[in-house]
Amino acid sequence: MRDKGDKKAHLLGLGLDNTDGHKRVTVAEEFSLVGGSAETHEKMTETVMKTFEELKSRGKKLNQVAPDELTDIIRDSTPE
């Protein structure tokens, strides 16, 4: 039985700008990225990697961060 504090968390990135018919899927333990153009999928991948690096530097896991804090981290991790 899981402890009440042992919440599961998973990030889902969905790209909707694919016009080349290529199916892009990147899956890991705590995130899934689906779809998008090559450029969009690459940006989503870079963003999620930077997000998890920042969480690690803060000593937190995805299930330990508040939604507002996660939003700020993702926003700061998104490439221009």
PDB file of N, CA and C in Angstrom:
ATOM      1  N   MET A   1       0.842  -1.176   0.000  1.00  0.00           N
ATOM      2  CA  MET A   1       0.000   0.000   0.000  1.00  0.00           C
ATOM      3  C   MET A   1       0.889   1.241   0.000  1.00  0.00           C
ATOM      4  N   ARG A   2       0.550   2.210  -0.833  1.00  0.00           N
ATOM      5  CA  ARG A   2       1.346   3.433  -0.917  1.00  0.00           C
ATOM      6  C   ARG A   2       0.992   4.399   0.200  1.00  0.00           C
ATOM      7  N   ASP A   3       1.999   5.108   0.658  1.00  0.00           N
ATOM      8  CA  ASP A   3       1.827   6.164   1.641  1.00  0.00           C
ATOM      9  C   ASP A   3       1.075   7.316   0.991  1.00  0.00           C
ATOM     10  N   LYS A   4       0.270   8.043   1.759  1.00  0.00           N
ATOM     11  CA  LYS A   4      -0.475   9.189   1.214  1.00  0.00           C
ATOM     12  C   LYS A   4       0.448  10.215   0.576  1.00  0.00           C
ATOM     13  N   GLY A   5       1.649  10.374   1.101  1.00  0.00           N
ATOM     14  CA  GLY A   5       2.592  11.340   0.569  1.00  0.00           C
ATOM     15  C   GLY A   5       3.337  10.838  -0.662  1.00  0.00           C
ATOM     16  N   ASP A   6       3.142   9.596  -1.027  1.00  0.00           N
ATOM     17  CA  ASP A   6       3.833   8.986  -2.158  1.00  0.00           C
ATOM     18  C   ASP A   6       2.991   9.130  -3.429  1.00  0.00           C
ATOM     19  N   LYS A   7       2.824  10.383  -3.876  1.00  0.00           N
ATOM     20  CA  LYS A   7       2.017  10.660  -5.066  1.00  0.00           C
ATOM     21  C   LYS A   7       2.800  10.305  -6.318  1.00  0.00           C
ATOM     22  N   LYS A   8       2.092   9.901  -7.346  1.00  0.00           N
ATOM     23  CA  LYS A   8       2.704   9.688  -8.653  1.00  0.00           C
ATOM     24  C   LYS A   8       2.561  10.968  -9.446  1.00  0.00           C
ATOM     25  N   ALA A   9       3.540  11.235 -10.303  1.00  0.00           N
ATOM     26  CA  ALA A   9       3.499  12.419 -11.154  1.00  0.00           C
ATOM     27  C   ALA A   9       4.115  12.062 -12.497  1.00  0.00           C
ATOM     28  N   HIS A  10       3.585  12.656 -13.553  1.00  0.00           N
ATOM     29  CA  HIS A  10       4.070  12.387 -14.904  1.00  0.00           C
ATOM     30  C   HIS A  10       3.773  13.616 -15.751  1.00  0.00           C
ATOM     31  N   LEU A  11       4.781  14.103 -16.464  1.00  0.00           N
ATOM     32  CA  LEU A  11       4.583  15.222 -17.383  1.00  0.00           C
ATOM     33  C   LEU A  11       4.226  14.678 -18.764  1.00  0.00           C
ATOM     34  N   LEU A  12       3.292  15.344 -19.426  1.00  0.00           N
ATOM     35  CA  LEU A  12       2.907  14.976 -20.779  1.00  0.00           C
ATOM     36  C   LEU A  12       3.063  16.196 -21.674  1.00  0.00           C
ATOM     37  N   GLY A  13       3.868  16.053 -22.719  1.00  0.00           N
ATOM     38  CA  GLY A  13       4.036  17.112 -23.708  1.00  0.00           C
ATOM     39  C   GLY A  13       3.385  16.675 -25.002  1.00  0.00           C
ATOM     40  N   LEU A  14       2.557  17.540 -25.580  1.00  0.00           N
ATOM     41  CA  LEU A  14       1.839  17.212 -26.792  1.00  0.00           C
ATOM     42  C   LEU A  14       2.094  18.283 -27.836  1.00  0.00           C
ATOM     43  N   GLY A  15       2.714  17.902 -28.937  1.00  0.00           N
ATOM     44  CA  GLY A  15       2.971  18.825 -30.042  1.00  0.00           C
ATOM     45  C   GLY A  15       1.915  18.636 -31.116  1.00  0.00           C
ATOM     46  N   LEU A  16       1.354  19.735 -31.591  1.00  0.00           N
ATOM     47  CA  LEU A  16       0.246  19.656 -32.539  1.00  0.00           C
ATOM     48  C   LEU A  16       0.576  20.234 -33.909  1.00  0.00           C
ATOM     49  N   ASP A  17       1.833  20.556 -34.164  1.00  0.00           N
ATOM     50  CA  ASP A  17       2.180  21.247 -35.409  1.00  0.00           C
ATOM     51  C   ASP A  17       2.848  20.350 -36.446  1.00  0.00           C
ATOM     52  N   ASN A  18       2.676  19.052 -36.346  1.00  0.00           N
ATOM     53  CA  ASN A  18       3.307  18.123 -37.272  1.00  0.00           C
ATOM     54  C   ASN A  18       2.586  18.122 -38.613  1.00  0.00           C
ATOM     55  N   THR A  19       3.322  18.344 -39.688  1.00  0.00           N
ATOM     56  CA  THR A  19       2.729  18.283 -41.026  1.00  0.00           C
ATOM     57  C   THR A  19       3.428  17.261 -41.918  1.00  0.00           C
ATOM     58  N   ASP A  20       4.503  16.622 -41.406  1.00  0.00           N
ATOM     59  CA  ASP A  20       5.255  15.687 -42.248  1.00  0.00           C
ATOM     60  C   ASP A  20       4.833  14.230 -42.073  1.00  0.00           C
ATOM     61  N   GLY A  21       3.881  13.958 -41.189  1.00  0.00           N
ATOM     62  CA  GLY A  21       3.388  12.601 -41.001  1.00  0.00           C
ATOM     63  C   GLY A  21       4.271  11.710 -40.151  1.00  0.00           C
ATOM     64  N   HIS A  22       5.414  12.220 -39.708  1.00  0.00           N
ATOM     65  CA  HIS A  22       6.329  11.443 -38.871  1.00  0.00           C
ATOM     66  C   HIS A  22       5.766  11.358 -37.457  1.00  0.00           C
ATOM     67  N   LYS A  23       5.818  10.171 -36.856  1.00  0.00           N
ATOM     68  CA  LYS A  23       5.325   9.989 -35.487  1.00  0.00           C
ATOM     69  C   LYS A  23       6.503  10.102 -34.531  1.00  0.00           C
ATOM     70  N   ARG A  24       6.483  11.133 -33.721  1.00  0.00           N
ATOM     71  CA  ARG A  24       7.565  11.369 -32.758  1.00  0.00           C
ATOM     72  C   ARG A  24       7.060  11.076 -31.346  1.00  0.00           C
ATOM     73  N   VAL A  25       7.746  10.170 -30.666  1.00  0.00           N
ATOM     74  CA  VAL A  25       7.366   9.798 -29.303  1.00  0.00           C
ATOM     75  C   VAL A  25       8.641   9.627 -28.492  1.00  0.00           C
ATOM     76  N   THR A  26       8.693  10.300 -27.345  1.00  0.00           N
ATOM     77  CA  THR A  26       9.799  10.144 -26.396  1.00  0.00           C
ATOM     78  C   THR A  26       9.177   9.840 -25.046  1.00  0.00           C
ATOM     79  N   VAL A  27       9.560   8.705 -24.463  1.00  0.00           N
ATOM     80  CA  VAL A  27       8.952   8.269 -23.204  1.00  0.00           C
ATOM     81  C   VAL A  27      10.049   7.974 -22.190  1.00  0.00           C
ATOM     82  N   ALA A  28       9.834   8.422 -20.971  1.00  0.00           N
ATOM     83  CA  ALA A  28      10.724   8.121 -19.851  1.00  0.00           C
ATOM     84  C   ALA A  28       9.852   7.842 -18.630  1.00  0.00           C
ATOM     85  N   GLU A  29      10.483   7.569 -17.522  1.00  0.00           N
ATOM     86  CA  GLU A  29       9.729   7.213 -16.314  1.00  0.00           C
ATOM     87  C   GLU A  29       8.780   8.319 -15.864  1.00  0.00           C
ATOM     88  N   GLU A  30       9.231   9.575 -15.941  1.00  0.00           N
ATOM     89  CA  GLU A  30       8.414  10.664 -15.413  1.00  0.00           C
ATOM     90  C   GLU A  30       7.861  11.612 -16.474  1.00  0.00           C
ATOM     91  N   PHE A  31       8.066  11.293 -17.754  1.00  0.00           N
ATOM     92  CA  PHE A  31       7.492  12.150 -18.793  1.00  0.00           C
ATOM     93  C   PHE A  31       7.267  11.399 -20.087  1.00  0.00           C
ATOM     94  N   SER A  32       6.332  11.919 -20.885  1.00  0.00           N
ATOM     95  CA  SER A  32       6.066  11.424 -22.230  1.00  0.00           C
ATOM     96  C   SER A  32       5.883  12.631 -23.139  1.00  0.00           C
ATOM     97  N   LEU A  33       6.539  12.597 -24.295  1.00  0.00           N
ATOM     98  CA  LEU A  33       6.412  13.652 -25.292  1.00  0.00           C
ATOM     99  C   LEU A  33       5.887  13.005 -26.559  1.00  0.00           C
ATOM    100  N   VAL A  34       4.822  13.571 -27.116  1.00  0.00           N
ATOM    101  CA  VAL A  34       4.169  12.970 -28.266  1.00  0.00           C
ATOM    102  C   VAL A  34       3.902  14.037 -29.312  1.00  0.00           C
ATOM    103  N   GLY A  35       4.269  13.720 -30.557  1.00  0.00           N
ATOM    104  CA  GLY A  35       3.901  14.563 -31.686  1.00  0.00           C
ATOM    105  C   GLY A  35       4.789  15.775 -31.865  1.00  0.00           C
ATOM    106  N   GLY A  36       4.293  16.671 -32.692  1.00  0.00           N
ATOM    107  CA  GLY A  36       4.996  17.901 -33.005  1.00  0.00           C
ATOM    108  C   GLY A  36       5.920  17.741 -34.195  1.00  0.00           C
ATOM    109  N   SER A  37       6.281  18.868 -34.754  1.00  0.00           N
ATOM    110  CA  SER A  37       7.286  18.885 -35.812  1.00  0.00           C
ATOM    111  C   SER A  37       8.623  18.505 -35.186  1.00  0.00           C
ATOM    112  N   ALA A  38       9.622  18.277 -36.031  1.00  0.00           N
ATOM    113  CA  ALA A  38      10.955  17.942 -35.505  1.00  0.00           C
ATOM    114  C   ALA A  38      11.434  19.040 -34.567  1.00  0.00           C
ATOM    115  N   GLU A  39      11.242  20.302 -34.956  1.00  0.00           N
ATOM    116  CA  GLU A  39      11.686  21.427 -34.127  1.00  0.00           C
ATOM    117  C   GLU A  39      10.923  21.480 -32.806  1.00  0.00           C
ATOM    118  N   THR A  40       9.621  21.312 -32.853  1.00  0.00           N
ATOM    119  CA  THR A  40       8.811  21.357 -31.634  1.00  0.00           C
ATOM    120  C   THR A  40       9.170  20.217 -30.696  1.00  0.00           C
ATOM    121  N   HIS A  41       9.325  19.020 -31.233  1.00  0.00           N
ATOM    122  CA  HIS A  41       9.654  17.871 -30.396  1.00  0.00           C
ATOM    123  C   HIS A  41      11.024  18.056 -29.744  1.00  0.00           C
ATOM    124  N   GLU A  42      11.958  18.610 -30.499  1.00  0.00           N
ATOM    125  CA  GLU A  42      13.280  18.882 -29.946  1.00  0.00           C
ATOM    126  C   GLU A  42      13.204  19.906 -28.813  1.00  0.00           C
ATOM    127  N   LYS A  43      12.401  20.955 -29.000  1.00  0.00           N
ATOM    128  CA  LYS A  43      12.242  21.969 -27.946  1.00  0.00           C
ATOM    129  C   LYS A  43      11.570  21.383 -26.713  1.00  0.00           C
ATOM    130  N   MET A  44      10.561  20.524 -26.913  1.00  0.00           N
ATOM    131  CA  MET A  44       9.908  19.881 -25.768  1.00  0.00           C
ATOM    132  C   MET A  44      10.913  19.013 -25.014  1.00  0.00           C
ATOM    133  N   THR A  45      11.735  18.265 -25.757  1.00  0.00           N
ATOM    134  CA  THR A  45      12.737  17.397 -25.135  1.00  0.00           C
ATOM    135  C   THR A  45      13.743  18.224 -24.336  1.00  0.00           C
ATOM    136  N   GLU A  46      14.223  19.304 -24.923  1.00  0.00           N
ATOM    137  CA  GLU A  46      15.177  20.175 -24.227  1.00  0.00           C
ATOM    138  C   GLU A  46      14.549  20.776 -22.969  1.00  0.00           C
ATOM    139  N   THR A  47      13.311  21.200 -23.083  1.00  0.00           N
ATOM    140  CA  THR A  47      12.621  21.791 -21.936  1.00  0.00           C
ATOM    141  C   THR A  47      12.466  20.795 -20.799  1.00  0.00           C
ATOM    142  N   VAL A  48      12.040  19.587 -21.114  1.00  0.00           N
ATOM    143  CA  VAL A  48      11.826  18.604 -20.056  1.00  0.00           C
ATOM    144  C   VAL A  48      13.155  18.182 -19.422  1.00  0.00           C
ATOM    145  N   MET A  49      14.210  18.077 -20.210  1.00  0.00           N
ATOM    146  CA  MET A  49      15.515  17.729 -19.644  1.00  0.00           C
ATOM    147  C   MET A  49      16.004  18.824 -18.695  1.00  0.00           C
ATOM    148  N   LYS A  50      15.883  20.077 -19.112  1.00  0.00           N
ATOM    149  CA  LYS A  50      16.288  21.189 -18.238  1.00  0.00           C
ATOM    150  C   LYS A  50      15.413  21.249 -16.989  1.00  0.00           C
ATOM    151  N   THR A  51      14.131  20.948 -17.141  1.00  0.00           N
ATOM    152  CA  THR A  51      13.212  20.951 -15.998  1.00  0.00           C
ATOM    153  C   THR A  51      13.654  19.933 -14.958  1.00  0.00           C
ATOM    154  N   PHE A  52      13.984  18.718 -15.397  1.00  0.00           N
ATOM    155  CA  PHE A  52      14.405  17.694 -14.450  1.00  0.00           C
ATOM    156  C   PHE A  52      15.786  17.985 -13.870  1.00  0.00           C
ATOM    157  N   GLU A  53      16.653  18.631 -14.625  1.00  0.00           N
ATOM    158  CA  GLU A  53      17.946  19.063 -14.076  1.00  0.00           C
ATOM    159  C   GLU A  53      17.726  20.079 -12.962  1.00  0.00           C
ATOM    160  N   GLU A  54      16.805  21.015 -13.185  1.00  0.00           N
ATOM    161  CA  GLU A  54      16.515  22.040 -12.165  1.00  0.00           C
ATOM    162  C   GLU A  54      15.885  21.403 -10.924  1.00  0.00           C
ATOM    163  N   LEU A  55      14.970  20.482 -11.115  1.00  0.00           N
ATOM    164  CA  LEU A  55      14.379  19.792  -9.973  1.00  0.00           C
ATOM    165  C   LEU A  55      15.463  19.081  -9.163  1.00  0.00           C
ATOM    166  N   LYS A  56      16.380  18.408  -9.864  1.00  0.00           N
ATOM    167  CA  LYS A  56      17.468  17.706  -9.179  1.00  0.00           C
ATOM    168  C   LYS A  56      18.339  18.683  -8.398  1.00  0.00           C
ATOM    169  N   SER A  57      18.634  19.846  -8.990  1.00  0.00           N
ATOM    170  CA  SER A  57      19.472  20.832  -8.297  1.00  0.00           C
ATOM    171  C   SER A  57      18.771  21.385  -7.049  1.00  0.00           C
ATOM    172  N   ARG A  58      17.428  21.352  -7.055  1.00  0.00           N
ATOM    173  CA  ARG A  58      16.655  21.794  -5.889  1.00  0.00           C
ATOM    174  C   ARG A  58      16.426  20.665  -4.891  1.00  0.00           C
ATOM    175  N   GLY A  59      16.890  19.478  -5.238  1.00  0.00           N
ATOM    176  CA  GLY A  59      16.717  18.332  -4.353  1.00  0.00           C
ATOM    177  C   GLY A  59      15.287  17.832  -4.295  1.00  0.00           C
ATOM    178  N   LYS A  60      14.540  18.008  -5.389  1.00  0.00           N
ATOM    179  CA  LYS A  60      13.136  17.606  -5.419  1.00  0.00           C
ATOM    180  C   LYS A  60      12.880  16.654  -6.573  1.00  0.00           C
ATOM    181  N   LYS A  61      11.843  15.865  -6.411  1.00  0.00           N
ATOM    182  CA  LYS A  61      11.339  15.009  -7.480  1.00  0.00           C
ATOM    183  C   LYS A  61      10.049  15.654  -8.002  1.00  0.00           C
ATOM    184  N   LEU A  62       9.610  15.193  -9.152  1.00  0.00           N
ATOM    185  CA  LEU A  62       8.419  15.776  -9.775  1.00  0.00           C
ATOM    186  C   LEU A  62       7.209  15.725  -8.848  1.00  0.00           C
ATOM    187  N   ASN A  63       7.058  14.637  -8.111  1.00  0.00           N
ATOM    188  CA  ASN A  63       5.900  14.511  -7.229  1.00  0.00           C
ATOM    189  C   ASN A  63       6.020  15.332  -5.946  1.00  0.00           C
ATOM    190  N   GLN A  64       7.125  16.057  -5.779  1.00  0.00           N
ATOM    191  CA  GLN A  64       7.330  16.852  -4.570  1.00  0.00           C
ATOM    192  C   GLN A  64       7.220  18.349  -4.819  1.00  0.00           C
ATOM    193  N   VAL A  65       6.975  18.738  -6.043  1.00  0.00           N
ATOM    194  CA  VAL A  65       6.968  20.157  -6.372  1.00  0.00           C
ATOM    195  C   VAL A  65       5.521  20.632  -6.582  1.00  0.00           C
ATOM    196  N   ALA A  66       5.242  21.825  -6.087  1.00  0.00           N
ATOM    197  CA  ALA A  66       3.903  22.409  -6.235  1.00  0.00           C
ATOM    198  C   ALA A  66       3.667  22.819  -7.689  1.00  0.00           C
ATOM    199  N   PRO A  67       2.432  22.762  -8.141  1.00  0.00           N
ATOM    200  CA  PRO A  67       2.135  23.130  -9.533  1.00  0.00           C
ATOM    201  C   PRO A  67       2.657  24.511  -9.938  1.00  0.00           C
ATOM    202  N   ASP A  68       2.529  25.493  -9.082  1.00  0.00           N
ATOM    203  CA  ASP A  68       3.014  26.842  -9.411  1.00  0.00           C
ATOM    204  C   ASP A  68       4.535  26.864  -9.575  1.00  0.00           C
ATOM    205  N   GLU A  69       5.228  26.153  -8.699  1.00  0.00           N
ATOM    206  CA  GLU A  69       6.685  26.091  -8.785  1.00  0.00           C
ATOM    207  C   GLU A  69       7.107  25.362 -10.062  1.00  0.00           C
ATOM    208  N   LEU A  70       6.411  24.281 -10.389  1.00  0.00           N
ATOM    209  CA  LEU A  70       6.716  23.536 -11.607  1.00  0.00           C
ATOM    210  C   LEU A  70       6.479  24.403 -12.842  1.00  0.00           C
ATOM    211  N   THR A  71       5.415  25.154 -12.839  1.00  0.00           N
ATOM    212  CA  THR A  71       5.135  26.071 -13.957  1.00  0.00           C
ATOM    213  C   THR A  71       6.281  27.045 -14.147  1.00  0.00           C
ATOM    214  N   ASP A  72       6.780  27.622 -13.074  1.00  0.00           N
ATOM    215  CA  ASP A  72       7.907  28.562 -13.148  1.00  0.00           C
ATOM    216  C   ASP A  72       9.166  27.872 -13.682  1.00  0.00           C
ATOM    217  N   ILE A  73       9.426  26.661 -13.216  1.00  0.00           N
ATOM    218  CA  ILE A  73      10.613  25.923 -13.658  1.00  0.00           C
ATOM    219  C   ILE A  73      10.518  25.626 -15.156  1.00  0.00           C
ATOM    220  N   ILE A  74       9.359  25.170 -15.584  1.00  0.00           N
ATOM    221  CA  ILE A  74       9.170  24.865 -17.018  1.00  0.00           C
ATOM    222  C   ILE A  74       9.319  26.132 -17.857  1.00  0.00           C
ATOM    223  N   ARG A  75       8.721  27.205 -17.404  1.00  0.00           N
ATOM    224  CA  ARG A  75       8.816  28.477 -18.136  1.00  0.00           C
ATOM    225  C   ARG A  75      10.282  28.929 -18.261  1.00  0.00           C
ATOM    226  N   ASP A  76      11.031  28.791 -17.191  1.00  0.00           N
ATOM    227  CA  ASP A  76      12.444  29.177 -17.204  1.00  0.00           C
ATOM    228  C   ASP A  76      13.301  28.217 -18.027  1.00  0.00           C
ATOM    229  N   SER A  77      12.836  26.973 -18.200  1.00  0.00           N
ATOM    230  CA  SER A  77      13.591  25.952 -18.922  1.00  0.00           C
ATOM    231  C   SER A  77      13.308  25.919 -20.422  1.00  0.00           C
ATOM    232  N   THR A  78      12.287  26.634 -20.850  1.00  0.00           N
ATOM    233  CA  THR A  78      11.866  26.598 -22.249  1.00  0.00           C
ATOM    234  C   THR A  78      12.822  27.432 -23.113  1.00  0.00           C
ATOM    235  N   PRO A  79      13.352  26.823 -24.183  1.00  0.00           N
ATOM    236  CA  PRO A  79      14.247  27.574 -25.066  1.00  0.00           C
ATOM    237  C   PRO A  79      13.483  28.679 -25.802  1.00  0.00           C
ATOM    238  N   GLU A  80      14.215  29.712 -26.164  1.00  0.00           N
ATOM    239  CA  GLU A  80      13.601  30.854 -26.871  1.00  0.00           C
ATOM    240  C   GLU A  80      13.046  30.446 -28.194  1.00  0.00           C
TER     241      GLU A  80
END
